């Protein structure tokens, strides 16, 4: 299993629209093979800095979602709400 951390910085006043798009994104991701769930967290010092931590069965499953037209479209929808590009970190545990 892997964890994917997606970090985003939102523009002021954009959270409600962001949350709506993210709910849709999670619904779409859940249709993908290997998606195990995801959670949204806020930086306690800056609530416009948001982290999504998602669990995927394998790196290949994540890559399928990451390269999918659905994710590309959703990412494009988020772009006007963000104060910069997202940062993606993929974590794996040692076996």
PDB file of N, CA and C in Angstrom:
ATOM      1  N   UNK A   1       0.840  -1.180   0.000  1.00  0.00           N
ATOM      2  CA  UNK A   1       0.000   0.000   0.000  1.00  0.00           C
ATOM      3  C   UNK A   1       0.885   1.243   0.000  1.00  0.00           C
ATOM      4  N   UNK A   2       0.402   2.275  -0.666  1.00  0.00           N
ATOM      5  CA  UNK A   2       1.100   3.559  -0.676  1.00  0.00           C
ATOM      6  C   UNK A   2       0.158   4.640  -0.152  1.00  0.00           C
ATOM      7  N   UNK A   3       0.761   5.746   0.242  1.00  0.00           N
ATOM      8  CA  UNK A   3       0.012   6.944   0.614  1.00  0.00           C
ATOM      9  C   UNK A   3       0.455   8.058  -0.325  1.00  0.00           C
ATOM     10  N   UNK A   4      -0.507   8.832  -0.756  1.00  0.00           N
ATOM     11  CA  UNK A   4      -0.230   9.978  -1.611  1.00  0.00           C
ATOM     12  C   UNK A   4      -0.673  11.225  -0.865  1.00  0.00           C
ATOM     13  N   UNK A   5       0.253  12.159  -0.707  1.00  0.00           N
ATOM     14  CA  UNK A   5      -0.073  13.419  -0.053  1.00  0.00           C
ATOM     15  C   UNK A   5      -0.106  14.496  -1.120  1.00  0.00           C
ATOM     16  N   UNK A   6      -1.253  15.151  -1.219  1.00  0.00           N
ATOM     17  CA  UNK A   6      -1.421  16.240  -2.178  1.00  0.00           C
ATOM     18  C   UNK A   6      -1.583  17.520  -1.367  1.00  0.00           C
ATOM     19  N   UNK A   7      -0.673  18.442  -1.579  1.00  0.00           N
ATOM     20  CA  UNK A   7      -0.693  19.709  -0.846  1.00  0.00           C
ATOM     21  C   UNK A   7      -1.129  20.823  -1.790  1.00  0.00           C
ATOM     22  N   UNK A   8      -2.093  21.617  -1.323  1.00  0.00           N
ATOM     23  CA  UNK A   8      -2.588  22.740  -2.124  1.00  0.00           C
ATOM     24  C   UNK A   8      -2.732  23.983  -1.251  1.00  0.00           C
ATOM     25  N   UNK A   9      -2.508  25.135  -1.859  1.00  0.00           N
ATOM     26  CA  UNK A   9      -2.720  26.423  -1.195  1.00  0.00           C
ATOM     27  C   UNK A   9      -3.867  27.109  -1.929  1.00  0.00           C
ATOM     28  N   UNK A  10      -4.951  27.380  -1.211  1.00  0.00           N
ATOM     29  CA  UNK A  10      -6.115  28.006  -1.832  1.00  0.00           C
ATOM     30  C   UNK A  10      -6.046  29.520  -1.768  1.00  0.00           C
ATOM     31  N   UNK A  11      -6.684  30.152  -2.727  1.00  0.00           N
ATOM     32  CA  UNK A  11      -6.872  31.590  -2.682  1.00  0.00           C
ATOM     33  C   UNK A  11      -7.935  31.889  -1.621  1.00  0.00           C
ATOM     34  N   UNK A  12      -7.941  33.075  -1.062  1.00  0.00           N
ATOM     35  CA  UNK A  12      -8.949  33.427  -0.054  1.00  0.00           C
ATOM     36  C   UNK A  12     -10.369  33.292  -0.616  1.00  0.00           C
ATOM     37  N   UNK A  13     -11.261  32.768   0.217  1.00  0.00           N
ATOM     38  CA  UNK A  13     -12.676  32.684  -0.140  1.00  0.00           C
ATOM     39  C   UNK A  13     -13.046  31.581  -1.110  1.00  0.00           C
ATOM     40  N   UNK A  14     -12.167  30.651  -1.363  1.00  0.00           N
ATOM     41  CA  UNK A  14     -12.421  29.610  -2.373  1.00  0.00           C
ATOM     42  C   UNK A  14     -12.747  28.240  -1.784  1.00  0.00           C
ATOM     43  N   UNK A  15     -12.797  28.113  -0.469  1.00  0.00           N
ATOM     44  CA  UNK A  15     -12.932  26.776   0.109  1.00  0.00           C
ATOM     45  C   UNK A  15     -14.231  26.080  -0.295  1.00  0.00           C
ATOM     46  N   UNK A  16     -15.367  26.749  -0.282  1.00  0.00           N
ATOM     47  CA  UNK A  16     -16.638  26.077  -0.579  1.00  0.00           C
ATOM     48  C   UNK A  16     -16.641  25.467  -1.978  1.00  0.00           C
ATOM     49  N   UNK A  17     -16.172  26.223  -2.948  1.00  0.00           N
ATOM     50  CA  UNK A  17     -16.098  25.694  -4.312  1.00  0.00           C
ATOM     51  C   UNK A  17     -15.085  24.554  -4.387  1.00  0.00           C
ATOM     52  N   UNK A  18     -13.963  24.721  -3.705  1.00  0.00           N
ATOM     53  CA  UNK A  18     -12.940  23.672  -3.647  1.00  0.00           C
ATOM     54  C   UNK A  18     -13.530  22.389  -3.057  1.00  0.00           C
ATOM     55  N   UNK A  19     -14.229  22.498  -1.949  1.00  0.00           N
ATOM     56  CA  UNK A  19     -14.800  21.325  -1.277  1.00  0.00           C
ATOM     57  C   UNK A  19     -15.768  20.584  -2.186  1.00  0.00           C
ATOM     58  N   UNK A  20     -16.550  21.315  -2.954  1.00  0.00           N
ATOM     59  CA  UNK A  20     -17.497  20.688  -3.883  1.00  0.00           C
ATOM     60  C   UNK A  20     -16.750  19.872  -4.950  1.00  0.00           C
ATOM     61  N   UNK A  21     -15.693  20.438  -5.498  1.00  0.00           N
ATOM     62  CA  UNK A  21     -14.909  19.736  -6.519  1.00  0.00           C
ATOM     63  C   UNK A  21     -14.210  18.523  -5.911  1.00  0.00           C
ATOM     64  N   UNK A  22     -13.695  18.662  -4.703  1.00  0.00           N
ATOM     65  CA  UNK A  22     -12.988  17.555  -4.049  1.00  0.00           C
ATOM     66  C   UNK A  22     -13.933  16.404  -3.722  1.00  0.00           C
ATOM     67  N   UNK A  23     -15.149  16.722  -3.318  1.00  0.00           N
ATOM     68  CA  UNK A  23     -16.129  15.629  -3.074  1.00  0.00           C
ATOM     69  C   UNK A  23     -16.361  14.841  -4.360  1.00  0.00           C
ATOM     70  N   UNK A  24     -16.482  15.559  -5.466  1.00  0.00           N
ATOM     71  CA  UNK A  24     -16.662  14.894  -6.762  1.00  0.00           C
ATOM     72  C   UNK A  24     -15.418  14.076  -7.123  1.00  0.00           C
ATOM     73  N   UNK A  25     -14.242  14.638  -6.868  1.00  0.00           N
ATOM     74  CA  UNK A  25     -12.988  13.930  -7.174  1.00  0.00           C
ATOM     75  C   UNK A  25     -12.893  12.630  -6.384  1.00  0.00           C
ATOM     76  N   UNK A  26     -13.260  12.668  -5.107  1.00  0.00           N
ATOM     77  CA  UNK A  26     -13.194  11.454  -4.290  1.00  0.00           C
ATOM     78  C   UNK A  26     -14.164  10.406  -4.812  1.00  0.00           C
ATOM     79  N   UNK A  27     -15.338  10.845  -5.238  1.00  0.00           N
ATOM     80  CA  UNK A  27     -16.316   9.920  -5.807  1.00  0.00           C
ATOM     81  C   UNK A  27     -15.771   9.261  -7.072  1.00  0.00           C
ATOM     82  N   UNK A  28     -15.110  10.053  -7.916  1.00  0.00           N
ATOM     83  CA  UNK A  28     -14.524   9.515  -9.146  1.00  0.00           C
ATOM     84  C   UNK A  28     -13.345   8.587  -8.835  1.00  0.00           C
ATOM     85  N   UNK A  29     -12.503   8.972  -7.900  1.00  0.00           N
ATOM     86  CA  UNK A  29     -11.352   8.141  -7.528  1.00  0.00           C
ATOM     87  C   UNK A  29     -11.812   6.809  -6.960  1.00  0.00           C
ATOM     88  N   UNK A  30     -12.919   6.830  -6.217  1.00  0.00           N
ATOM     89  CA  UNK A  30     -13.406   5.589  -5.602  1.00  0.00           C
ATOM     90  C   UNK A  30     -13.859   4.565  -6.634  1.00  0.00           C
ATOM     91  N   UNK A  31     -14.082   5.002  -7.853  1.00  0.00           N
ATOM     92  CA  UNK A  31     -14.449   4.082  -8.932  1.00  0.00           C
ATOM     93  C   UNK A  31     -13.221   3.385  -9.515  1.00  0.00           C
ATOM     94  N   UNK A  32     -12.040   3.903  -9.183  1.00  0.00           N
ATOM     95  CA  UNK A  32     -10.796   3.365  -9.731  1.00  0.00           C
ATOM     96  C   UNK A  32     -10.333   2.158  -8.918  1.00  0.00           C
ATOM     97  N   UNK A  33      -9.792   1.196  -9.611  1.00  0.00           N
ATOM     98  CA  UNK A  33      -9.219   0.026  -8.956  1.00  0.00           C
ATOM     99  C   UNK A  33      -8.071   0.461  -8.062  1.00  0.00           C
ATOM    100  N   UNK A  34      -8.041  -0.067  -6.848  1.00  0.00           N
ATOM    101  CA  UNK A  34      -6.935   0.201  -5.939  1.00  0.00           C
ATOM    102  C   UNK A  34      -7.105   1.375  -5.006  1.00  0.00           C
ATOM    103  N   UNK A  35      -8.148   2.191  -5.167  1.00  0.00           N
ATOM    104  CA  UNK A  35      -8.358   3.323  -4.267  1.00  0.00           C
ATOM    105  C   UNK A  35      -8.883   2.813  -2.937  1.00  0.00           C
ATOM    106  N   UNK A  36      -8.227   3.205  -1.857  1.00  0.00           N
ATOM    107  CA  UNK A  36      -8.585   2.701  -0.536  1.00  0.00           C
ATOM    108  C   UNK A  36      -9.163   3.778   0.371  1.00  0.00           C
ATOM    109  N   UNK A  37      -9.179   5.015  -0.074  1.00  0.00           N
ATOM    110  CA  UNK A  37      -9.763   6.093   0.713  1.00  0.00           C
ATOM    111  C   UNK A  37      -8.864   7.311   0.778  1.00  0.00           C
ATOM    112  N   UNK A  38      -9.456   8.396   1.243  1.00  0.00           N
ATOM    113  CA  UNK A  38      -8.700   9.631   1.352  1.00  0.00           C
ATOM    114  C   UNK A  38      -9.295  10.533   2.424  1.00  0.00           C
ATOM    115  N   UNK A  39      -8.444  11.381   2.986  1.00  0.00           N
ATOM    116  CA  UNK A  39      -8.868  12.322   4.012  1.00  0.00           C
ATOM    117  C   UNK A  39      -8.291  13.693   3.712  1.00  0.00           C
ATOM    118  N   UNK A  40      -8.999  14.727   4.151  1.00  0.00           N
ATOM    119  CA  UNK A  40      -8.586  16.095   3.932  1.00  0.00           C
ATOM    120  C   UNK A  40      -8.183  16.711   5.276  1.00  0.00           C
ATOM    121  N   UNK A  41      -7.043  17.401   5.293  1.00  0.00           N
ATOM    122  CA  UNK A  41      -6.531  18.045   6.502  1.00  0.00           C
ATOM    123  C   UNK A  41      -6.162  19.492   6.201  1.00  0.00           C
ATOM    124  N   UNK A  42      -6.236  20.331   7.235  1.00  0.00           N
ATOM    125  CA  UNK A  42      -5.857  21.736   7.138  1.00  0.00           C
ATOM    126  C   UNK A  42      -4.619  21.981   7.985  1.00  0.00           C
ATOM    127  N   UNK A  43      -3.748  22.839   7.503  1.00  0.00           N
ATOM    128  CA  UNK A  43      -2.612  23.300   8.284  1.00  0.00           C
ATOM    129  C   UNK A  43      -3.170  24.167   9.422  1.00  0.00           C
ATOM    130  N   UNK A  44      -2.794  23.900  10.649  1.00  0.00           N
ATOM    131  CA  UNK A  44      -3.317  24.667  11.782  1.00  0.00           C
ATOM    132  C   UNK A  44      -2.855  26.118  11.771  1.00  0.00           C
ATOM    133  N   UNK A  45      -1.749  26.407  11.129  1.00  0.00           N
ATOM    134  CA  UNK A  45      -1.243  27.779  11.061  1.00  0.00           C
ATOM    135  C   UNK A  45      -1.832  28.562   9.883  1.00  0.00           C
ATOM    136  N   UNK A  46      -2.335  27.853   8.884  1.00  0.00           N
ATOM    137  CA  UNK A  46      -2.846  28.495   7.659  1.00  0.00           C
ATOM    138  C   UNK A  46      -3.940  27.603   7.081  1.00  0.00           C
ATOM    139  N   UNK A  47      -5.208  27.929   7.379  1.00  0.00           N
ATOM    140  CA  UNK A  47      -6.292  27.035   6.959  1.00  0.00           C
ATOM    141  C   UNK A  47      -6.566  27.055   5.455  1.00  0.00           C
ATOM    142  N   UNK A  48      -5.837  27.865   4.697  1.00  0.00           N
ATOM    143  CA  UNK A  48      -5.942  27.795   3.234  1.00  0.00           C
ATOM    144  C   UNK A  48      -4.946  26.799   2.662  1.00  0.00           C
ATOM    145  N   UNK A  49      -4.077  26.276   3.506  1.00  0.00           N
ATOM    146  CA  UNK A  49      -3.114  25.238   3.094  1.00  0.00           C
ATOM    147  C   UNK A  49      -3.738  23.886   3.440  1.00  0.00           C
ATOM    148  N   UNK A  50      -4.031  23.133   2.401  1.00  0.00           N
ATOM    149  CA  UNK A  50      -4.809  21.900   2.537  1.00  0.00           C
ATOM    150  C   UNK A  50      -3.985  20.703   2.079  1.00  0.00           C
ATOM    151  N   UNK A  51      -4.157  19.611   2.795  1.00  0.00           N
ATOM    152  CA  UNK A  51      -3.483  18.358   2.466  1.00  0.00           C
ATOM    153  C   UNK A  51      -4.528  17.273   2.287  1.00  0.00           C
ATOM    154  N   UNK A  52      -4.400  16.523   1.230  1.00  0.00           N
ATOM    155  CA  UNK A  52      -5.208  15.321   1.044  1.00  0.00           C
ATOM    156  C   UNK A  52      -4.249  14.147   1.187  1.00  0.00           C
ATOM    157  N   UNK A  53      -4.628  13.208   2.031  1.00  0.00           N
ATOM    158  CA  UNK A  53      -3.832  11.992   2.204  1.00  0.00           C
ATOM    159  C   UNK A  53      -4.695  10.837   1.719  1.00  0.00           C
ATOM    160  N   UNK A  54      -4.265  10.237   0.627  1.00  0.00           N
ATOM    161  CA  UNK A  54      -5.029   9.154   0.002  1.00  0.00           C
ATOM    162  C   UNK A  54      -4.232   7.853   0.073  1.00  0.00           C
ATOM    163  N   UNK A  55      -4.944   6.767   0.241  1.00  0.00           N
ATOM    164  CA  UNK A  55      -4.330   5.440   0.263  1.00  0.00           C
ATOM    165  C   UNK A  55      -4.691   4.714  -1.030  1.00  0.00           C
ATOM    166  N   UNK A  56      -3.660   4.145  -1.641  1.00  0.00           N
ATOM    167  CA  UNK A  56      -3.827   3.358  -2.861  1.00  0.00           C
ATOM    168  C   UNK A  56      -3.166   2.009  -2.645  1.00  0.00           C
ATOM    169  N   UNK A  57      -3.732   0.991  -3.258  1.00  0.00           N
ATOM    170  CA  UNK A  57      -3.208  -0.359  -3.105  1.00  0.00           C
ATOM    171  C   UNK A  57      -1.782  -0.482  -3.634  1.00  0.00           C
ATOM    172  N   UNK A  58      -1.518   0.099  -4.811  1.00  0.00           N
ATOM    173  CA  UNK A  58      -0.183   0.030  -5.409  1.00  0.00           C
ATOM    174  C   UNK A  58       0.138   1.367  -6.083  1.00  0.00           C
ATOM    175  N   UNK A  59       1.408   1.570  -6.370  1.00  0.00           N
ATOM    176  CA  UNK A  59       1.832   2.749  -7.112  1.00  0.00           C
ATOM    177  C   UNK A  59       1.170   2.776  -8.482  1.00  0.00           C
ATOM    178  N   UNK A  60       1.031   1.632  -9.109  1.00  0.00           N
ATOM    179  CA  UNK A  60       0.406   1.563 -10.436  1.00  0.00           C
ATOM    180  C   UNK A  60      -1.042   2.032 -10.394  1.00  0.00           C
ATOM    181  N   UNK A  61      -1.770   1.673  -9.324  1.00  0.00           N
ATOM    182  CA  UNK A  61      -3.155   2.146  -9.193  1.00  0.00           C
ATOM    183  C   UNK A  61      -3.197   3.672  -9.107  1.00  0.00           C
ATOM    184  N   UNK A  62      -2.313   4.248  -8.270  1.00  0.00           N
ATOM    185  CA  UNK A  62      -2.250   5.703  -8.171  1.00  0.00           C
ATOM    186  C   UNK A  62      -1.923   6.323  -9.519  1.00  0.00           C
ATOM    187  N   UNK A  63      -0.963   5.768 -10.235  1.00  0.00           N
ATOM    188  CA  UNK A  63      -0.551   6.325 -11.523  1.00  0.00           C
ATOM    189  C   UNK A  63      -1.688   6.281 -12.538  1.00  0.00           C
ATOM    190  N   UNK A  64      -2.493   5.231 -12.487  1.00  0.00           N
ATOM    191  CA  UNK A  64      -3.645   5.157 -13.389  1.00  0.00           C
ATOM    192  C   UNK A  64      -4.600   6.317 -13.122  1.00  0.00           C
ATOM    193  N   UNK A  65      -4.851   6.581 -11.841  1.00  0.00           N
ATOM    194  CA  UNK A  65      -5.724   7.704 -11.484  1.00  0.00           C
ATOM    195  C   UNK A  65      -5.044   9.034 -11.841  1.00  0.00           C
ATOM    196  N   UNK A  66      -3.798   9.187 -11.485  1.00  0.00           N
ATOM    197  CA  UNK A  66      -3.070  10.427 -11.719  1.00  0.00           C
ATOM    198  C   UNK A  66      -3.040  10.793 -13.198  1.00  0.00           C
ATOM    199  N   UNK A  67      -2.958   9.801 -14.063  1.00  0.00           N
ATOM    200  CA  UNK A  67      -2.888  10.029 -15.507  1.00  0.00           C
ATOM    201  C   UNK A  67      -4.245   9.994 -16.196  1.00  0.00           C
ATOM    202  N   UNK A  68      -5.307   9.792 -15.426  1.00  0.00           N
ATOM    203  CA  UNK A  68      -6.640   9.660 -16.022  1.00  0.00           C
ATOM    204  C   UNK A  68      -7.195  11.011 -16.478  1.00  0.00           C
ATOM    205  N   UNK A  69      -8.070  10.959 -17.444  1.00  0.00           N
ATOM    206  CA  UNK A  69      -8.740  12.172 -17.930  1.00  0.00           C
ATOM    207  C   UNK A  69      -9.596  12.791 -16.825  1.00  0.00           C
ATOM    208  N   UNK A  70     -10.190  11.954 -15.950  1.00  0.00           N
ATOM    209  CA  UNK A  70     -11.014  12.479 -14.859  1.00  0.00           C
ATOM    210  C   UNK A  70     -10.186  13.365 -13.926  1.00  0.00           C
ATOM    211  N   UNK A  71      -9.020  12.868 -13.523  1.00  0.00           N
ATOM    212  CA  UNK A  71      -8.180  13.660 -12.610  1.00  0.00           C
ATOM    213  C   UNK A  71      -7.657  14.912 -13.303  1.00  0.00           C
ATOM    214  N   UNK A  72      -7.271  14.788 -14.553  1.00  0.00           N
ATOM    215  CA  UNK A  72      -6.793  15.964 -15.282  1.00  0.00           C
ATOM    216  C   UNK A  72      -7.873  17.041 -15.355  1.00  0.00           C
ATOM    217  N   UNK A  73      -9.097  16.627 -15.629  1.00  0.00           N
ATOM    218  CA  UNK A  73     -10.212  17.573 -15.706  1.00  0.00           C
ATOM    219  C   UNK A  73     -10.485  18.219 -14.346  1.00  0.00           C
ATOM    220  N   UNK A  74     -10.467  17.409 -13.298  1.00  0.00           N
ATOM    221  CA  UNK A  74     -10.699  17.941 -11.953  1.00  0.00           C
ATOM    222  C   UNK A  74      -9.587  18.894 -11.537  1.00  0.00           C
ATOM    223  N   UNK A  75      -8.362  18.562 -11.862  1.00  0.00           N
ATOM    224  CA  UNK A  75      -7.228  19.425 -11.535  1.00  0.00           C
ATOM    225  C   UNK A  75      -7.346  20.761 -12.268  1.00  0.00           C
ATOM    226  N   UNK A  76      -7.794  20.725 -13.511  1.00  0.00           N
ATOM    227  CA  UNK A  76      -8.007  21.963 -14.263  1.00  0.00           C
ATOM    228  C   UNK A  76      -9.103  22.805 -13.622  1.00  0.00           C
ATOM    229  N   UNK A  77     -10.147  22.157 -13.095  1.00  0.00           N
ATOM    230  CA  UNK A  77     -11.230  22.878 -12.414  1.00  0.00           C
ATOM    231  C   UNK A  77     -10.740  23.553 -11.133  1.00  0.00           C
ATOM    232  N   UNK A  78      -9.753  22.952 -10.477  1.00  0.00           N
ATOM    233  CA  UNK A  78      -9.217  23.501  -9.240  1.00  0.00           C
ATOM    234  C   UNK A  78      -8.247  24.661  -9.473  1.00  0.00           C
ATOM    235  N   UNK A  79      -7.612  24.706 -10.620  1.00  0.00           N
ATOM    236  CA  UNK A  79      -6.542  25.673 -10.885  1.00  0.00           C
ATOM    237  C   UNK A  79      -6.923  27.122 -10.550  1.00  0.00           C
ATOM    238  N   UNK A  80      -8.113  27.597 -10.927  1.00  0.00           N
ATOM    239  CA  UNK A  80      -8.436  28.999 -10.611  1.00  0.00           C
ATOM    240  C   UNK A  80      -8.608  29.276  -9.111  1.00  0.00           C
ATOM    241  N   UNK A  81      -8.764  28.235  -8.321  1.00  0.00           N
ATOM    242  CA  UNK A  81      -8.980  28.387  -6.880  1.00  0.00           C
ATOM    243  C   UNK A  81      -7.686  28.360  -6.087  1.00  0.00           C
ATOM    244  N   UNK A  82      -6.609  27.968  -6.748  1.00  0.00           N
ATOM    245  CA  UNK A  82      -5.352  27.731  -6.048  1.00  0.00           C
ATOM    246  C   UNK A  82      -4.377  28.893  -6.206  1.00  0.00           C
ATOM    247  N   UNK A  83      -3.580  29.100  -5.155  1.00  0.00           N
ATOM    248  CA  UNK A  83      -2.593  30.171  -5.146  1.00  0.00           C
ATOM    249  C   UNK A  83      -1.257  29.716  -5.728  1.00  0.00           C
ATOM    250  N   UNK A  84      -1.202  28.516  -6.238  1.00  0.00           N
ATOM    251  CA  UNK A  84       0.012  27.970  -6.836  1.00  0.00           C
ATOM    252  C   UNK A  84      -0.225  26.530  -7.223  1.00  0.00           C
ATOM    253  N   UNK A  85       0.781  25.875  -7.766  1.00  0.00           N
ATOM    254  CA  UNK A  85       0.611  24.481  -8.183  1.00  0.00           C
ATOM    255  C   UNK A  85       0.515  23.533  -6.990  1.00  0.00           C
ATOM    256  N   UNK A  86      -0.151  22.409  -7.203  1.00  0.00           N
ATOM    257  CA  UNK A  86      -0.203  21.403  -6.145  1.00  0.00           C
ATOM    258  C   UNK A  86       1.145  20.697  -6.049  1.00  0.00           C
ATOM    259  N   UNK A  87       1.391  20.154  -4.873  1.00  0.00           N
ATOM    260  CA  UNK A  87       2.608  19.364  -4.656  1.00  0.00           C
ATOM    261  C   UNK A  87       2.160  17.956  -4.286  1.00  0.00           C
ATOM    262  N   UNK A  88       2.691  16.960  -4.988  1.00  0.00           N
ATOM    263  CA  UNK A  88       2.309  15.565  -4.752  1.00  0.00           C
ATOM    264  C   UNK A  88       3.532  14.810  -4.232  1.00  0.00           C
ATOM    265  N   UNK A  89       3.325  14.102  -3.120  1.00  0.00           N
ATOM    266  CA  UNK A  89       4.363  13.250  -2.541  1.00  0.00           C
ATOM    267  C   UNK A  89       3.799  11.850  -2.409  1.00  0.00           C
ATOM    268  N   UNK A  90       4.535  10.864  -2.892  1.00  0.00           N
ATOM    269  CA  UNK A  90       4.110   9.471  -2.802  1.00  0.00           C
ATOM    270  C   UNK A  90       4.985   8.786  -1.753  1.00  0.00           C
ATOM    271  N   UNK A  91       4.345   8.172  -0.773  1.00  0.00           N
ATOM    272  CA  UNK A  91       5.049   7.498   0.311  1.00  0.00           C
ATOM    273  C   UNK A  91       4.772   6.002   0.268  1.00  0.00           C
ATOM    274  N   UNK A  92       5.786   5.229   0.612  1.00  0.00           N
ATOM    275  CA  UNK A  92       5.627   3.786   0.729  1.00  0.00           C
ATOM    276  C   UNK A  92       6.321   3.347   1.998  1.00  0.00           C
ATOM    277  N   UNK A  93       5.865   2.230   2.546  1.00  0.00           N
ATOM    278  CA  UNK A  93       6.522   1.705   3.750  1.00  0.00           C
ATOM    279  C   UNK A  93       7.534   0.638   3.342  1.00  0.00           C
ATOM    280  N   UNK A  94       8.502   0.461   4.179  1.00  0.00           N
ATOM    281  CA  UNK A  94       9.476  -0.621   3.938  1.00  0.00           C
ATOM    282  C   UNK A  94       8.850  -1.925   4.354  1.00  0.00           C
ATOM    283  N   UNK A  95       9.167  -2.937   3.600  1.00  0.00           N
ATOM    284  CA  UNK A  95       8.574  -4.249   3.903  1.00  0.00           C
ATOM    285  C   UNK A  95       9.510  -5.089   4.702  1.00  0.00           C
TER     286      UNK A  95
END
